[in-house]
Amino acid sequence: MPVHLAAIVGGGAISLVALSSLLAHAWAIPAQLQCRLAEGPWQQCRMIVADNGLAWTLELAGESIHFRHDGRGTVSMQRQDQRGREVQPRWLADASLCWDGVCAKGAIPLD
């Protein structure tokens, strides 16, 4: 016998199985995110958020680029085989967010 939760709208009920299925499908939809290095072409990429707004990684073109925000306005970036360095985040007219030559646009999950 399935366990039921009261629905928020209309006082109906939804089973935990139906709810977990709904959530699994909602989270399975990949965010559309494109990135580019320097002035190169836009390409599909993936952002992995380790700590919302404070630590994230962009994966593109076989490279992982790590970012860390100190919570006070300073962002550091570390590319593979390089030392981490402070970067200036800025929004461009095409709604892309860039960090010293590394840019992302689309569903940026940093808020």
Protein backbone atom coordinates (compact mmCIF):
# COMPACT_ATOMS: atom_id res chain seq x y z
CA MET A 1 0.00 0.00 0.00
CA PRO A 2 1.60 3.35 -1.04
CA VAL A 3 2.03 6.18 1.45
CA HIS A 4 0.16 9.34 0.42
CA LEU A 5 1.04 12.98 0.99
CA ALA A 6 -1.57 15.73 1.01
CA ALA A 7 -1.28 17.78 -2.15
CA ILE A 8 -0.80 21.51 -1.67
CA VAL A 9 -3.38 22.43 -4.28
CA GLY A 10 -6.94 21.14 -3.97
CA GLY A 11 -6.40 18.89 -0.94
CA GLY A 12 -5.83 15.80 -3.13
CA ALA A 13 -3.20 13.15 -2.53
CA ILE A 14 -0.14 11.96 -4.39
CA SER A 15 1.76 8.73 -3.71
CA LEU A 16 5.45 8.83 -2.80
CA VAL A 17 6.13 6.67 -5.86
CA ALA A 18 4.44 9.21 -8.16
CA LEU A 19 6.21 12.11 -6.42
CA SER A 20 9.65 10.49 -6.68
CA SER A 21 8.99 9.66 -10.34
CA LEU A 22 7.98 13.27 -11.03
CA LEU A 23 11.08 14.65 -9.29
CA ALA A 24 13.37 12.17 -11.05
CA HIS A 25 12.06 13.30 -14.42
CA ALA A 26 12.29 16.99 -13.51
CA TRP A 27 15.94 16.69 -12.39
CA ALA A 28 16.86 14.50 -15.37
CA ILE A 29 16.39 17.42 -17.77
CA PRO A 30 19.91 18.76 -18.41
CA ALA A 31 20.48 22.49 -18.19
CA GLN A 32 21.46 24.04 -21.50
CA LEU A 33 24.81 25.66 -20.90
CA GLN A 34 27.38 26.77 -23.43
CA CYS A 35 30.94 27.86 -22.73
CA ARG A 36 33.92 29.20 -24.62
CA LEU A 37 37.58 29.74 -23.95
CA ALA A 38 39.06 33.07 -24.99
CA GLU A 39 37.30 34.08 -28.22
CA GLY A 40 36.82 30.46 -29.33
CA PRO A 41 33.52 28.94 -30.45
CA TRP A 42 30.61 28.36 -28.08
CA GLN A 43 30.29 24.68 -27.16
CA GLN A 44 28.19 22.57 -24.83
CA CYS A 45 29.61 22.40 -21.33
CA ARG A 46 28.60 21.32 -17.87
CA MET A 47 28.69 23.17 -14.58
CA ILE A 48 29.07 21.20 -11.37
CA VAL A 49 28.17 23.25 -8.31
CA ALA A 50 29.95 22.02 -5.17
CA ASP A 51 28.73 24.87 -2.92
CA ASN A 52 26.00 27.10 -4.34
CA GLY A 53 27.52 30.44 -5.34
CA LEU A 54 30.85 29.67 -3.66
CA ALA A 55 32.49 26.73 -5.48
CA TRP A 56 31.85 25.34 -8.96
CA THR A 57 33.58 23.64 -11.87
CA LEU A 58 33.08 24.09 -15.61
CA GLU A 59 33.77 21.04 -17.74
CA LEU A 60 34.37 21.68 -21.43
CA ALA A 61 36.63 20.42 -24.18
CA GLY A 62 38.09 17.75 -21.91
CA GLU A 63 39.13 20.32 -19.30
CA SER A 64 37.88 21.05 -15.80
CA ILE A 65 38.13 24.67 -14.67
CA HIS A 66 37.57 25.21 -10.94
CA PHE A 67 36.17 28.41 -9.41
CA ARG A 68 35.89 29.59 -5.84
CA HIS A 69 34.13 32.69 -4.50
CA ASP A 70 35.23 33.90 -1.07
CA GLY A 71 31.79 35.33 -0.24
CA ARG A 72 33.17 38.90 -0.22
CA GLY A 73 33.49 39.50 -3.97
CA THR A 74 36.75 37.79 -4.89
CA VAL A 75 36.64 34.89 -7.37
CA SER A 76 39.60 32.64 -8.07
CA MET A 77 39.95 30.32 -11.06
CA GLN A 78 42.22 27.32 -11.45
CA ARG A 79 42.73 25.66 -14.81
CA GLN A 80 44.38 22.27 -15.16
CA ASP A 81 48.14 22.30 -14.66
CA GLN A 82 48.08 25.97 -13.59
CA ARG A 83 48.09 27.79 -10.30
CA GLY A 84 44.87 29.36 -9.08
CA ARG A 85 44.53 33.09 -9.69
CA GLU A 86 42.06 35.85 -8.94
CA VAL A 87 39.72 36.68 -11.82
CA GLN A 88 37.20 39.44 -12.52
CA PRO A 89 33.68 38.16 -13.20
CA ARG A 90 31.66 40.30 -15.63
CA TRP A 91 28.41 40.06 -17.54
CA LEU A 92 28.49 40.74 -21.28
CA ALA A 93 25.75 42.14 -23.52
CA ASP A 94 24.89 38.64 -24.82
CA ALA A 95 23.99 37.58 -21.21
CA SER A 96 27.15 35.50 -20.82
CA LEU A 97 29.15 35.52 -17.61
CA CYS A 98 32.92 35.65 -18.09
CA TRP A 99 35.90 35.17 -15.84
CA ASP A 100 39.03 36.45 -17.63
CA GLY A 101 38.47 34.67 -20.95
CA VAL A 102 36.33 31.75 -19.74
CA CYS A 103 32.67 32.46 -20.52
CA ALA A 104 29.37 30.65 -19.89
CA LYS A 105 25.84 31.43 -21.03
CA GLY A 106 22.50 29.76 -20.55
CA ALA A 107 21.20 28.21 -17.34
CA ILE A 108 23.94 29.24 -14.91
CA PRO A 109 22.98 27.71 -11.53
CA LEU A 110 24.94 30.00 -9.21
CA ASP A 111 22.11 31.78 -7.40
